[in-house]
PDB file of N, CA and C in Angstrom:
ATOM      1  N   MET A   1      61.185 101.060  94.789  1.00  0.00           N
ATOM      2  CA  MET A   1      62.199 100.451  94.192  1.00  0.00           C
ATOM      3  C   MET A   1      63.410  99.892  94.759  1.00  0.00           C
ATOM      4  N   ILE A   2      63.659  98.667  94.059  1.00  0.00           N
ATOM      5  CA  ILE A   2      64.969  97.240  94.434  1.00  0.00           C
ATOM      6  C   ILE A   2      66.073  98.007  94.269  1.00  0.00           C
ATOM      7  N   PRO A   3      67.084  98.344  95.194  1.00  0.00           N
ATOM      8  CA  PRO A   3      67.975  98.784  95.260  1.00  0.00           C
ATOM      9  C   PRO A   3      68.872  97.884  94.449  1.00  0.00           C
ATOM     10  N   PHE A   4      69.687  98.788  93.849  1.00  0.00           N
ATOM     11  CA  PHE A   4      71.166  97.547  92.502  1.00  0.00           C
ATOM     12  C   PHE A   4      71.950  97.081  93.527  1.00  0.00           C
ATOM     13  N   THR A   5      72.742  95.876  93.325  1.00  0.00           N
ATOM     14  CA  THR A   5      73.947  95.859  94.145  1.00  0.00           C
ATOM     15  C   THR A   5      74.959  95.343  92.606  1.00  0.00           C
ATOM     16  N   CYS A   6      76.386  95.503  93.272  1.00  0.00           N
ATOM     17  CA  CYS A   6      77.339  95.260  92.219  1.00  0.00           C
ATOM     18  C   CYS A   6      77.102  93.838  91.518  1.00  0.00           C
ATOM     19  N   SER A   7      77.326  94.399  90.471  1.00  0.00           N
ATOM     20  CA  SER A   7      77.245  93.454  89.130  1.00  0.00           C
ATOM     21  C   SER A   7      78.451  91.857  88.739  1.00  0.00           C
ATOM     22  N   LYS A   8      79.394  92.327  89.993  1.00  0.00           N
ATOM     23  CA  LYS A   8      80.700  91.052  90.221  1.00  0.00           C
ATOM     24  C   LYS A   8      80.198  91.027  91.692  1.00  0.00           C
ATOM     25  N   CYS A   9      80.096  91.600  92.734  1.00  0.00           N
ATOM     26  CA  CYS A   9      80.053  90.556  93.913  1.00  0.00           C
ATOM     27  C   CYS A   9      78.946  90.709  94.345  1.00  0.00           C
ATOM     28  N   HIS A  10      77.972  91.240  93.999  1.00  0.00           N
ATOM     29  CA  HIS A  10      76.738  91.098  94.291  1.00  0.00           C
ATOM     30  C   HIS A  10      76.224  91.789  96.008  1.00  0.00           C
ATOM     31  N   LYS A  11      77.340  92.375  96.608  1.00  0.00           N
ATOM     32  CA  LYS A  11      76.812  92.360  97.912  1.00  0.00           C
ATOM     33  C   LYS A  11      76.944  93.940  98.133  1.00  0.00           C
ATOM     34  N   GLU A  12      77.566  95.152  97.194  1.00  0.00           N
ATOM     35  CA  GLU A  12      77.716  96.185  97.846  1.00  0.00           C
ATOM     36  C   GLU A  12      76.307  96.999  96.923  1.00  0.00           C
ATOM     37  N   LYS A  13      75.707  98.104  97.329  1.00  0.00           N
ATOM     38  CA  LYS A  13      74.937  98.825  96.697  1.00  0.00           C
ATOM     39  C   LYS A  13      75.563  99.726  95.625  1.00  0.00           C
ATOM     40  N   VAL A  14      74.916  99.726  94.429  1.00  0.00           N
ATOM     41  CA  VAL A  14      75.452 100.914  93.589  1.00  0.00           C
ATOM     42  C   VAL A  14      74.033 101.520  93.651  1.00  0.00           C
ATOM     43  N   LYS A  15      74.463 102.545  92.363  1.00  0.00           N
ATOM     44  CA  LYS A  15      73.669 103.984  91.952  1.00  0.00           C
ATOM     45  C   LYS A  15      72.799 103.075  90.402  1.00  0.00           C
ATOM     46  N   ILE A  16      74.064 102.701  89.375  1.00  0.00           N
ATOM     47  CA  ILE A  16      73.284 101.891  88.284  1.00  0.00           C
ATOM     48  C   ILE A  16      73.081 100.790  88.310  1.00  0.00           C
ATOM     49  N   HIS A  17      72.200 100.510  87.371  1.00  0.00           N
ATOM     50  CA  HIS A  17      72.015  98.608  87.278  1.00  0.00           C
ATOM     51  C   HIS A  17      73.164  98.485  86.365  1.00  0.00           C
ATOM     52  N   GLY A  18      74.142  97.296  86.978  1.00  0.00           N
ATOM     53  CA  GLY A  18      74.825  96.949  86.034  1.00  0.00           C
ATOM     54  C   GLY A  18      76.640  97.945  86.584  1.00  0.00           C
ATOM     55  N   GLN A  19      76.588  98.262  87.121  1.00  0.00           N
ATOM     56  CA  GLN A  19      77.789  99.227  87.662  1.00  0.00           C
ATOM     57  C   GLN A  19      78.226  98.007  88.815  1.00  0.00           C
ATOM     58  N   ILE A  20      79.705  97.962  88.856  1.00  0.00           N
ATOM     59  CA  ILE A  20      80.361  97.413  89.732  1.00  0.00           C
ATOM     60  C   ILE A  20      80.835  98.184  90.652  1.00  0.00           C
ATOM     61  N   CYS A  21      80.827  97.903  92.048  1.00  0.00           N
ATOM     62  CA  CYS A  21      81.420  98.803  93.378  1.00  0.00           C
ATOM     63  C   CYS A  21      83.037  99.356  93.552  1.00  0.00           C
ATOM     64  N   VAL A  22      83.240 100.177  93.981  1.00  0.00           N
ATOM     65  CA  VAL A  22      84.305 100.789  94.285  1.00  0.00           C
ATOM     66  C   VAL A  22      85.011  99.220  95.039  1.00  0.00           C
ATOM     67  N   SER A  23      84.995  98.619  95.764  1.00  0.00           N
ATOM     68  CA  SER A  23      86.124  97.697  96.480  1.00  0.00           C
ATOM     69  C   SER A  23      86.477  96.798  95.103  1.00  0.00           C
ATOM     70  N   CYS A  24      85.057  96.668  94.046  1.00  0.00           N
ATOM     71  CA  CYS A  24      85.507  95.501  93.087  1.00  0.00           C
ATOM     72  C   CYS A  24      86.738  96.268  91.782  1.00  0.00           C
ATOM     73  N   GLN A  25      86.209  97.681  91.762  1.00  0.00           N
ATOM     74  CA  GLN A  25      86.646  98.479  90.613  1.00  0.00           C
ATOM     75  C   GLN A  25      88.643  98.434  91.411  1.00  0.00           C
ATOM     76  N   ILE A  26      88.795  98.664  92.676  1.00  0.00           N
ATOM     77  CA  ILE A  26      89.854  98.599  93.114  1.00  0.00           C
ATOM     78  C   ILE A  26      90.627  97.352  93.089  1.00  0.00           C
ATOM     79  N   GLU A  27      90.020  96.025  93.520  1.00  0.00           N
ATOM     80  CA  GLU A  27      90.637  94.896  92.906  1.00  0.00           C
ATOM     81  C   GLU A  27      90.902  94.232  91.811  1.00  0.00           C
ATOM     82  N   LYS A  28      89.876  94.842  90.586  1.00  0.00           N
ATOM     83  CA  LYS A  28      90.001  95.142  89.155  1.00  0.00           C
ATOM     84  C   LYS A  28      91.711  95.371  88.413  1.00  0.00           C
ATOM     85  N   ILE A  29      91.738  97.127  89.118  1.00  0.00           N
ATOM     86  CA  ILE A  29      93.269  97.502  88.613  1.00  0.00           C
ATOM     87  C   ILE A  29      94.228  96.679  89.919  1.00  0.00           C
ATOM     88  N   GLU A  30      94.220  96.382  90.495  1.00  0.00           N
ATOM     89  CA  GLU A  30      95.350  95.820  91.545  1.00  0.00           C
ATOM     90  C   GLU A  30      95.924  94.570  90.774  1.00  0.00           C
ATOM     91  N   LYS A  31      94.800  93.447  90.313  1.00  0.00           N
ATOM     92  CA  LYS A  31      94.822  92.354  89.734  1.00  0.00           C
ATOM     93  C   LYS A  31      95.673  92.860  87.845  1.00  0.00           C
ATOM     94  N   HIS A  32      95.236  93.755  87.716  1.00  0.00           N
ATOM     95  CA  HIS A  32      95.503  94.518  86.212  1.00  0.00           C
ATOM     96  C   HIS A  32      96.801  95.051  86.015  1.00  0.00           C
ATOM     97  N   SER A  33      97.641  95.491  87.561  1.00  0.00           N
ATOM     98  CA  SER A  33      98.817  96.261  86.927  1.00  0.00           C
ATOM     99  C   SER A  33      99.564  96.048  86.180  1.00  0.00           C
ATOM    100  N   PRO A  34     100.515  97.038  85.803  1.00  0.00           N
ATOM    101  CA  PRO A  34     101.047  96.682  84.352  1.00  0.00           C
ATOM    102  C   PRO A  34     102.471  96.080  84.384  1.00  0.00           C
ATOM    103  N   PRO A  35     102.896  95.481  83.579  1.00  0.00           N
ATOM    104  CA  PRO A  35     104.094  94.647  84.191  1.00  0.00           C
ATOM    105  C   PRO A  35     105.189  95.502  83.900  1.00  0.00           C
ATOM    106  N   LYS A  36     106.211  95.373  84.064  1.00  0.00           N
ATOM    107  CA  LYS A  36     107.358  95.911  84.397  1.00  0.00           C
ATOM    108  C   LYS A  36     107.927  96.752  83.120  1.00  0.00           C
ATOM    109  N   ASP A  37     107.758  95.685  81.816  1.00  0.00           N
ATOM    110  CA  ASP A  37     107.618  96.255  80.173  1.00  0.00           C
ATOM    111  C   ASP A  37     106.681  96.744  79.520  1.00  0.00           C
ATOM    112  N   ALA A  38     105.886  97.250  80.329  1.00  0.00           N
ATOM    113  CA  ALA A  38     104.638  97.707  80.366  1.00  0.00           C
ATOM    114  C   ALA A  38     105.025  99.371  79.471  1.00  0.00           C
ATOM    115  N   SER A  39     104.628  99.625  78.482  1.00  0.00           N
ATOM    116  CA  SER A  39     104.684 100.968  77.736  1.00  0.00           C
ATOM    117  C   SER A  39     104.140 102.485  78.401  1.00  0.00           C
ATOM    118  N   ASN A  40     104.835 103.604  78.182  1.00  0.00           N
ATOM    119  CA  ASN A  40     104.295 104.476  78.587  1.00  0.00           C
ATOM    120  C   ASN A  40     102.747 104.823  78.802  1.00  0.00           C
ATOM    121  N   GLU A  41     102.023 104.436  77.605  1.00  0.00           N
ATOM    122  CA  GLU A  41     100.429 104.802  78.052  1.00  0.00           C
ATOM    123  C   GLU A  41      99.679 103.885  78.741  1.00  0.00           C
ATOM    124  N   GLU A  42     100.362 102.506  78.858  1.00  0.00           N
ATOM    125  CA  GLU A  42      99.610 101.884  79.815  1.00  0.00           C
ATOM    126  C   GLU A  42      99.696 101.944  81.357  1.00  0.00           C
ATOM    127  N   LEU A  43     101.273 102.848  81.539  1.00  0.00           N
ATOM    128  CA  LEU A  43     101.233 103.192  83.042  1.00  0.00           C
ATOM    129  C   LEU A  43     100.589 104.322  83.451  1.00  0.00           C
ATOM    130  N   ILE A  44     100.330 105.276  82.525  1.00  0.00           N
ATOM    131  CA  ILE A  44      99.485 106.216  82.612  1.00  0.00           C
ATOM    132  C   ILE A  44      98.050 105.996  82.945  1.00  0.00           C
ATOM    133  N   SER A  45      97.869 105.301  81.888  1.00  0.00           N
ATOM    134  CA  SER A  45      96.364 104.613  81.583  1.00  0.00           C
ATOM    135  C   SER A  45      96.177 104.091  83.406  1.00  0.00           C
ATOM    136  N   TYR A  46      96.728 103.059  83.599  1.00  0.00           N
ATOM    137  CA  TYR A  46      96.812 102.494  85.102  1.00  0.00           C
ATOM    138  C   TYR A  46      96.717 103.516  86.244  1.00  0.00           C
ATOM    139  N   TYR A  47      97.344 104.059  85.769  1.00  0.00           N
ATOM    140  CA  TYR A  47      98.199 105.387  87.223  1.00  0.00           C
ATOM    141  C   TYR A  47      96.419 106.404  87.100  1.00  0.00           C
ATOM    142  N   THR A  48      96.033 106.508  85.901  1.00  0.00           N
ATOM    143  CA  THR A  48      94.855 107.714  86.341  1.00  0.00           C
ATOM    144  C   THR A  48      93.893 106.648  86.404  1.00  0.00           C
ATOM    145  N   GLU A  49      93.319 105.927  85.829  1.00  0.00           N
ATOM    146  CA  GLU A  49      91.838 104.839  86.706  1.00  0.00           C
ATOM    147  C   GLU A  49      92.162 105.287  88.498  1.00  0.00           C
ATOM    148  N   GLN A  50      93.381 104.561  88.441  1.00  0.00           N
ATOM    149  CA  GLN A  50      93.803 104.669  89.836  1.00  0.00           C
ATOM    150  C   GLN A  50      93.166 105.374  90.653  1.00  0.00           C
ATOM    151  N   ARG A  51      93.628 106.438  90.305  1.00  0.00           N
ATOM    152  CA  ARG A  51      93.695 107.764  90.992  1.00  0.00           C
ATOM    153  C   ARG A  51      92.165 108.240  90.908  1.00  0.00           C
ATOM    154  N   VAL A  52      92.076 108.225  90.227  1.00  0.00           N
ATOM    155  CA  VAL A  52      89.925 108.423  90.165  1.00  0.00           C
ATOM    156  C   VAL A  52      89.206 107.260  90.861  1.00  0.00           C
ATOM    157  N   LEU A  53      89.974 106.187  91.318  1.00  0.00           N
ATOM    158  CA  LEU A  53      88.748 105.383  92.456  1.00  0.00           C
ATOM    159  C   LEU A  53      89.050 105.864  93.543  1.00  0.00           C
ATOM    160  N   ILE A  54      90.337 106.261  93.962  1.00  0.00           N
ATOM    161  CA  ILE A  54      90.963 106.539  95.126  1.00  0.00           C
ATOM    162  C   ILE A  54      90.211 107.849  95.369  1.00  0.00           C
ATOM    163  N   GLY A  55      89.957 109.000  94.337  1.00  0.00           N
ATOM    164  CA  GLY A  55      89.747 110.379  94.724  1.00  0.00           C
ATOM    165  C   GLY A  55      90.498 111.628  95.361  1.00  0.00           C
ATOM    166  N   CYS A  56      90.237 112.620  95.345  1.00  0.00           N
ATOM    167  CA  CYS A  56      90.998 113.587  95.884  1.00  0.00           C
ATOM    168  C   CYS A  56      91.255 113.316  97.137  1.00  0.00           C
ATOM    169  N   ARG A  57      93.096 113.957  97.384  1.00  0.00           N
ATOM    170  CA  ARG A  57      93.495 113.670  98.881  1.00  0.00           C
ATOM    171  C   ARG A  57      92.813 114.565  99.818  1.00  0.00           C
ATOM    172  N   GLU A  58      91.956 115.187  99.998  1.00  0.00           N
ATOM    173  CA  GLU A  58      91.982 116.141 100.714  1.00  0.00           C
ATOM    174  C   GLU A  58      90.085 116.130 100.800  1.00  0.00           C
ATOM    175  N   CYS A  59      89.409 115.425 100.046  1.00  0.00           N
ATOM    176  CA  CYS A  59      87.534 115.691 100.270  1.00  0.00           C
ATOM    177  C   CYS A  59      87.223 114.592  99.866  1.00  0.00           C
ATOM    178  N   GLY A  60      88.206 113.578  98.785  1.00  0.00           N
ATOM    179  CA  GLY A  60      87.694 111.807  98.170  1.00  0.00           C
ATOM    180  C   GLY A  60      86.761 112.119  97.340  1.00  0.00           C
ATOM    181  N   ALA A  61      86.682 113.430  96.662  1.00  0.00           N
ATOM    182  CA  ALA A  61      85.902 113.677  95.486  1.00  0.00           C
ATOM    183  C   ALA A  61      86.770 112.797  94.377  1.00  0.00           C
ATOM    184  N   ARG A  62      85.626 112.018  93.512  1.00  0.00           N
ATOM    185  CA  ARG A  62      86.467 111.198  92.458  1.00  0.00           C
ATOM    186  C   ARG A  62      86.054 112.656  90.886  1.00  0.00           C
ATOM    187  N   ASP A  63      85.644 113.275  90.832  1.00  0.00           N
ATOM    188  CA  ASP A  63      85.451 114.141  90.084  1.00  0.00           C
ATOM    189  C   ASP A  63      86.387 115.625  89.793  1.00  0.00           C
ATOM    190  N   PHE A  64      87.615 115.431  89.581  1.00  0.00           N
ATOM    191  CA  PHE A  64      88.739 116.475  89.857  1.00  0.00           C
ATOM    192  C   PHE A  64      89.157 116.405  88.113  1.00  0.00           C
ATOM    193  N   ALA A  65      89.882 117.617  88.167  1.00  0.00           N
ATOM    194  CA  ALA A  65      90.566 117.956  86.921  1.00  0.00           C
ATOM    195  C   ALA A  65      92.254 117.338  86.717  1.00  0.00           C
ATOM    196  N   TYR A  66      92.483 117.112  86.137  1.00  0.00           N
ATOM    197  CA  TYR A  66      94.103 116.634  86.391  1.00  0.00           C
ATOM    198  C   TYR A  66      94.803 116.758  84.756  1.00  0.00           C
ATOM    199  N   GLU A  67      96.036 116.387  84.616  1.00  0.00           N
ATOM    200  CA  GLU A  67      97.169 116.029  83.461  1.00  0.00           C
ATOM    201  C   GLU A  67      98.086 114.808  84.217  1.00  0.00           C
ATOM    202  N   ALA A  68      98.706 114.307  83.499  1.00  0.00           N
ATOM    203  CA  ALA A  68      99.247 113.264  83.789  1.00  0.00           C
ATOM    204  C   ALA A  68     100.417 113.203  82.642  1.00  0.00           C
ATOM    205  N   GLY A  69     101.400 113.140  83.070  1.00  0.00           N
ATOM    206  CA  GLY A  69     102.310 112.925  81.749  1.00  0.00           C
ATOM    207  C   GLY A  69     103.565 112.632  82.612  1.00  0.00           C
ATOM    208  N   ILE A  70     104.918 112.538  81.896  1.00  0.00           N
ATOM    209  CA  ILE A  70     106.477 111.882  81.875  1.00  0.00           C
ATOM    210  C   ILE A  70     107.510 112.920  82.105  1.00  0.00           C
ATOM    211  N   LYS A  71     108.240 113.029  82.902  1.00  0.00           N
ATOM    212  CA  LYS A  71     109.648 113.847  83.069  1.00  0.00           C
ATOM    213  C   LYS A  71     110.534 113.355  82.968  1.00  0.00           C
ATOM    214  N   ILE A  72     111.527 113.539  82.132  1.00  0.00           N
ATOM    215  CA  ILE A  72     112.654 112.406  81.768  1.00  0.00           C
ATOM    216  C   ILE A  72     113.692 113.663  82.376  1.00  0.00           C
ATOM    217  N   GLU A  73     114.567 112.984  83.251  1.00  0.00           N
ATOM    218  CA  GLU A  73     115.775 113.265  83.854  1.00  0.00           C
ATOM    219  C   GLU A  73     116.527 112.796  84.405  1.00  0.00           C
ATOM    220  N   ASN A  74     118.332 112.747  83.715  1.00  0.00           N
ATOM    221  CA  ASN A  74     119.429 112.257  84.486  1.00  0.00           C
ATOM    222  C   ASN A  74     119.071 110.451  83.823  1.00  0.00           C
ATOM    223  N   PHE A  75     118.355 109.795  82.930  1.00  0.00           N
ATOM    224  CA  PHE A  75     117.911 108.686  82.886  1.00  0.00           C
ATOM    225  C   PHE A  75     116.851 107.882  83.420  1.00  0.00           C
ATOM    226  N   LEU A  76     116.319 108.985  83.806  1.00  0.00           N
ATOM    227  CA  LEU A  76     115.115 108.673  84.536  1.00  0.00           C
ATOM    228  C   LEU A  76     114.179 108.828  84.200  1.00  0.00           C
ATOM    229  N   LYS A  77     112.519 108.176  84.290  1.00  0.00           N
ATOM    230  CA  LYS A  77     111.404 108.898  83.848  1.00  0.00           C
ATOM    231  C   LYS A  77     110.312 108.643  85.141  1.00  0.00           C
ATOM    232  N   TYR A  78     109.646 109.906  85.105  1.00  0.00           N
ATOM    233  CA  TYR A  78     108.614 110.271  86.384  1.00  0.00           C
ATOM    234  C   TYR A  78     107.721 110.482  85.666  1.00  0.00           C
ATOM    235  N   PHE A  79     106.639 109.338  86.413  1.00  0.00           N
ATOM    236  CA  PHE A  79     105.665 109.517  85.854  1.00  0.00           C
ATOM    237  C   PHE A  79     104.784 110.202  86.911  1.00  0.00           C
ATOM    238  N   VAL A  80     104.260 111.426  86.298  1.00  0.00           N
ATOM    239  CA  VAL A  80     103.489 112.263  87.319  1.00  0.00           C
ATOM    240  C   VAL A  80     102.057 112.936  87.053  1.00  0.00           C
ATOM    241  N   MET A  81     101.747 113.208  87.971  1.00  0.00           N
ATOM    242  CA  MET A  81      99.696 113.395  87.706  1.00  0.00           C
ATOM    243  C   MET A  81      99.748 114.902  88.611  1.00  0.00           C
ATOM    244  N   PHE A  82      99.059 115.924  87.749  1.00  0.00           N
ATOM    245  CA  PHE A  82      98.685 116.954  88.500  1.00  0.00           C
ATOM    246  C   PHE A  82      96.917 117.201  88.984  1.00  0.00           C
ATOM    247  N   ILE A  83      96.908 117.333  89.982  1.00  0.00           N
ATOM    248  CA  ILE A  83      95.334 117.643  90.215  1.00  0.00           C
ATOM    249  C   ILE A  83      94.774 118.700  90.496  1.00  0.00           C
ATOM    250  N   GLN A  84      93.462 118.876  90.646  1.00  0.00           N
ATOM    251  CA  GLN A  84      92.883 120.306  90.533  1.00  0.00           C
ATOM    252  C   GLN A  84      91.386 119.710  91.033  1.00  0.00           C
ATOM    253  N   CYS A  85      91.221 119.750  92.285  1.00  0.00           N
ATOM    254  CA  CYS A  85      89.938 119.314  92.798  1.00  0.00           C
ATOM    255  C   CYS A  85      89.055 120.738  92.870  1.00  0.00           C
ATOM    256  N   LYS A  86      87.524 120.264  93.038  1.00  0.00           N
ATOM    257  CA  LYS A  86      86.916 121.531  93.154  1.00  0.00           C
ATOM    258  C   LYS A  86      86.725 122.091  94.268  1.00  0.00           C
ATOM    259  N   CYS A  87      87.540 121.184  95.417  1.00  0.00           N
ATOM    260  CA  CYS A  87      87.215 121.287  96.996  1.00  0.00           C
ATOM    261  C   CYS A  87      88.402 122.683  96.823  1.00  0.00           C
ATOM    262  N   GLY A  88      89.088 122.808  95.949  1.00  0.00           N
ATOM    263  CA  GLY A  88      90.586 123.737  95.960  1.00  0.00           C
ATOM    264  C   GLY A  88      91.589 123.159  96.281  1.00  0.00           C
ATOM    265  N   GLU A  89      91.777 122.333  96.268  1.00  0.00           N
ATOM    266  CA  GLU A  89      93.035 121.207  96.494  1.00  0.00           C
ATOM    267  C   GLU A  89      93.672 121.336  95.298  1.00  0.00           C
ATOM    268  N   SER A  90      94.955 121.243  95.076  1.00  0.00           N
ATOM    269  CA  SER A  90      95.953 121.247  93.678  1.00  0.00           C
ATOM    270  C   SER A  90      96.889 120.531  94.512  1.00  0.00           C
ATOM    271  N   TYR A  91      97.691 119.637  94.200  1.00  0.00           N
ATOM    272  CA  TYR A  91      98.438 118.481  94.452  1.00  0.00           C
ATOM    273  C   TYR A  91      99.152 118.098  93.330  1.00  0.00           C
ATOM    274  N   MET A  92     100.722 117.857  93.192  1.00  0.00           N
ATOM    275  CA  MET A  92     101.193 116.531  92.630  1.00  0.00           C
ATOM    276  C   MET A  92     101.558 115.124  92.856  1.00  0.00           C
ATOM    277  N   ASP A  93     100.668 114.334  92.145  1.00  0.00           N
ATOM    278  CA  ASP A  93     101.229 113.165  92.828  1.00  0.00           C
ATOM    279  C   ASP A  93     102.697 112.572  91.830  1.00  0.00           C
ATOM    280  N   LEU A  94     103.356 112.015  92.593  1.00  0.00           N
ATOM    281  CA  LEU A  94     104.523 111.341  91.979  1.00  0.00           C
ATOM    282  C   LEU A  94     103.863 109.984  91.366  1.00  0.00           C
ATOM    283  N   LEU A  95     103.841 109.225  90.594  1.00  0.00           N
ATOM    284  CA  LEU A  95     103.209 107.766  90.158  1.00  0.00           C
ATOM    285  C   LEU A  95     103.984 106.955  90.579  1.00  0.00           C
ATOM    286  N   GLU A  96     104.956 106.811  89.559  1.00  0.00           N
ATOM    287  CA  GLU A  96     105.874 106.184  90.007  1.00  0.00           C
ATOM    288  C   GLU A  96     107.633 106.139  88.937  1.00  0.00           C
ATOM    289  N   VAL A  97     108.634 105.863  88.755  1.00  0.00           N
ATOM    290  CA  VAL A  97     110.008 106.389  88.853  1.00  0.00           C
ATOM    291  C   VAL A  97     110.703 105.012  88.432  1.00  0.00           C
ATOM    292  N   ARG A  98     110.965 105.397  86.443  1.00  0.00           N
ATOM    293  CA  ARG A  98     111.386 103.833  86.166  1.00  0.00           C
ATOM    294  C   ARG A  98     112.827 104.232  85.324  1.00  0.00           C
ATOM    295  N   GLU A  99     113.680 103.325  85.452  1.00  0.00           N
ATOM    296  CA  GLU A  99     115.112 103.866  84.539  1.00  0.00           C
ATOM    297  C   GLU A  99     114.300 103.843  82.846  1.00  0.00           C
ATOM    298  N   MET A 100     114.745 104.519  82.497  1.00  0.00           N
ATOM    299  CA  MET A 100     115.154 104.368  80.867  1.00  0.00           C
ATOM    300  C   MET A 100     115.683 103.099  79.985  1.00  0.00           C
ATOM    301  N   ARG A 101     114.886 102.809  79.424  1.00  0.00           N
ATOM    302  CA  ARG A 101     115.747 101.572  78.644  1.00  0.00           C
ATOM    303  C   ARG A 101     116.182 102.179  77.148  1.00  0.00           C
ATOM    304  N   LEU A 102     117.324 101.563  76.731  1.00  0.00           N
ATOM    305  CA  LEU A 102     117.605 102.052  75.439  1.00  0.00           C
ATOM    306  C   LEU A 102     116.642 101.819  74.187  1.00  0.00           C
ATOM    307  N   GLN A 103     115.269 101.216  74.349  1.00  0.00           N
ATOM    308  CA  GLN A 103     114.560 101.341  73.164  1.00  0.00           C
ATOM    309  C   GLN A 103     113.922 103.153  73.282  1.00  0.00           C
ATOM    310  N   ASP A 104     113.878 103.507  74.795  1.00  0.00           N
ATOM    311  CA  ASP A 104     112.953 104.964  75.085  1.00  0.00           C
ATOM    312  C   ASP A 104     113.662 105.919  74.075  1.00  0.00           C
ATOM    313  N   VAL A 105     115.250 105.679  73.691  1.00  0.00           N
ATOM    314  CA  VAL A 105     116.121 106.342  73.090  1.00  0.00           C
ATOM    315  C   VAL A 105     116.095 106.173  71.745  1.00  0.00           C
ATOM    316  N   GLY A 106     115.498 104.853  71.315  1.00  0.00           N
ATOM    317  CA  GLY A 106     115.417 104.530  69.661  1.00  0.00           C
ATOM    318  C   GLY A 106     116.521 103.411  69.797  1.00  0.00           C
ATOM    319  N   ILE A 107     117.412 103.192  70.621  1.00  0.00           N
ATOM    320  CA  ILE A 107     118.397 102.164  70.089  1.00  0.00           C
ATOM    321  C   ILE A 107     117.826 100.886  70.919  1.00  0.00           C
ATOM    322  N   GLU A 108     118.255  99.576  69.457  1.00  0.00           N
ATOM    323  CA  GLU A 108     117.728  98.196  69.982  1.00  0.00           C
ATOM    324  C   GLU A 108     118.711  97.406  70.884  1.00  0.00           C
ATOM    325  N   GLU A 109     118.205  96.903  71.690  1.00  0.00           N
ATOM    326  CA  GLU A 109     119.059  95.695  72.378  1.00  0.00           C
ATOM    327  C   GLU A 109     119.590  94.256  71.361  1.00  0.00           C
ATOM    328  N   SER A 110     120.455  94.051  71.919  1.00  0.00           N
ATOM    329  CA  SER A 110     121.469  93.294  70.923  1.00  0.00           C
ATOM    330  C   SER A 110     121.765  91.819  71.930  1.00  0.00           C
ATOM    331  N   GLU A 111     121.173  90.700  71.228  1.00  0.00           N
ATOM    332  CA  GLU A 111     121.261  89.826  71.917  1.00  0.00           C
ATOM    333  C   GLU A 111     122.393  88.933  71.964  1.00  0.00           C
TER     334      GLU A 111
END
Protein backbone atom coordinates (compact mmCIF):
# COMPACT_ATOMS: atom_id res chain seq x y z
CA MET A 1 0.00 0.00 0.00
CA ILE A 2 1.32 3.44 -0.94
CA PRO A 3 1.60 5.79 2.07
CA PHE A 4 -0.51 8.95 1.95
CA THR A 5 1.16 12.35 2.17
CA CYS A 6 -0.17 15.71 3.30
CA SER A 7 -2.54 17.19 0.73
CA LYS A 8 -1.04 20.66 1.29
CA CYS A 9 2.76 20.27 1.53
CA HIS A 10 3.03 16.73 0.06
CA LYS A 11 5.93 15.97 2.43
CA GLU A 12 4.62 14.58 5.72
CA LYS A 13 2.91 11.20 5.94
CA VAL A 14 -0.75 11.14 7.06
CA LYS A 15 -3.14 8.31 7.89
CA ILE A 16 -6.03 9.26 5.61
CA HIS A 17 -6.02 10.38 1.97
CA GLY A 18 -6.76 14.10 1.72
CA GLN A 19 -5.68 14.86 5.29
CA ILE A 20 -3.20 17.64 6.10
CA CYS A 21 -0.26 17.12 8.45
CA VAL A 22 0.10 18.68 11.91
CA SER A 23 2.69 21.20 10.68
CA CYS A 24 0.33 22.48 8.01
CA GLN A 25 -2.58 22.55 10.48
CA ILE A 26 -0.55 24.68 12.92
CA GLU A 27 0.53 26.99 10.10
CA LYS A 28 -3.11 27.33 9.05
CA ILE A 29 -4.17 28.25 12.58
CA GLU A 30 -1.38 30.79 13.03
CA LYS A 31 -2.16 32.49 9.72
CA HIS A 32 -5.84 32.74 10.63
CA SER A 33 -5.48 34.10 14.15
CA PRO A 34 -8.46 36.24 15.11
CA PRO A 35 -8.25 40.03 14.79
CA LYS A 36 -8.46 42.36 17.78
CA ASP A 37 -12.17 42.96 17.13
CA ALA A 38 -13.02 39.24 16.89
CA SER A 39 -16.19 38.03 18.58
CA ASN A 40 -16.08 35.86 21.69
CA GLU A 41 -17.18 32.85 19.62
CA GLU A 42 -14.36 33.37 17.10
CA LEU A 43 -11.78 33.53 19.90
CA ILE A 44 -13.07 30.38 21.62
CA SER A 45 -13.18 28.53 18.29
CA TYR A 46 -9.63 29.61 17.41
CA TYR A 47 -8.13 28.59 20.76
CA THR A 48 -10.06 25.32 20.89
CA GLU A 49 -8.70 24.28 17.50
CA GLN A 50 -5.21 25.38 18.54
CA ARG A 51 -5.26 23.41 21.80
CA VAL A 52 -6.53 20.25 20.11
CA LEU A 53 -3.59 20.41 17.69
CA ILE A 54 -1.10 20.97 20.50
CA GLY A 55 -2.51 18.14 22.61
CA CYS A 56 -2.36 17.38 26.33
CA ARG A 57 0.45 19.03 28.30
CA GLU A 58 1.37 15.75 29.97
CA CYS A 59 1.06 13.06 27.31
CA GLY A 60 0.46 14.95 24.04
CA ALA A 61 -2.80 13.12 23.29
CA ARG A 62 -5.26 15.05 21.15
CA ASP A 63 -8.40 13.27 22.25
CA PHE A 64 -9.29 14.89 25.56
CA ALA A 65 -12.41 16.35 27.14
CA TYR A 66 -12.62 20.11 27.53
CA GLU A 67 -14.87 23.00 28.44
CA ALA A 68 -14.11 26.48 27.14
CA GLY A 69 -15.65 29.71 28.26
CA ILE A 70 -15.30 33.29 29.39
CA LYS A 71 -14.99 34.61 32.91
CA ILE A 72 -15.74 38.31 33.35
CA GLU A 73 -14.18 40.14 36.27
CA ASN A 74 -13.20 43.79 36.84
CA PHE A 75 -14.04 44.78 33.24
CA LEU A 76 -11.72 42.06 31.89
CA LYS A 77 -12.72 38.97 29.90
CA TYR A 78 -10.68 35.87 30.67
CA PHE A 79 -10.91 33.20 27.96
CA VAL A 80 -10.26 29.87 29.67
CA MET A 81 -10.29 26.18 28.85
CA PHE A 82 -10.59 23.34 31.34
CA ILE A 83 -8.98 20.15 30.05
CA GLN A 84 -9.30 16.58 31.30
CA CYS A 85 -7.20 13.98 29.51
CA LYS A 86 -7.51 10.21 29.53
CA CYS A 87 -3.99 10.07 31.02
CA GLY A 88 -5.50 11.51 34.21
CA GLU A 89 -4.16 15.04 33.81
CA SER A 90 -6.64 17.87 34.54
CA TYR A 91 -5.74 21.52 34.18
CA MET A 92 -6.97 24.98 33.22
CA ASP A 93 -5.44 26.95 30.34
CA LEU A 94 -5.72 30.73 30.33
CA LEU A 95 -6.12 31.42 26.63
CA GLU A 96 -6.34 35.19 26.47
CA VAL A 97 -7.32 38.24 28.52
CA ARG A 98 -9.10 41.16 26.88
CA GLU A 99 -10.57 44.39 28.16
CA MET A 100 -14.33 44.62 27.91
CA ARG A 101 -15.64 46.94 25.21
CA LEU A 102 -18.70 49.14 25.46
CA GLN A 103 -20.48 46.81 22.99
CA ASP A 104 -20.00 43.94 25.45
CA VAL A 105 -22.38 45.65 27.89
CA GLY A 106 -24.83 46.85 25.22
CA ILE A 107 -23.57 50.43 24.77
CA GLU A 108 -22.85 51.69 21.29
CA GLU A 109 -19.80 53.94 20.85
CA SER A 110 -20.52 57.37 19.43
CA GLU A 111 -18.28 58.91 16.80
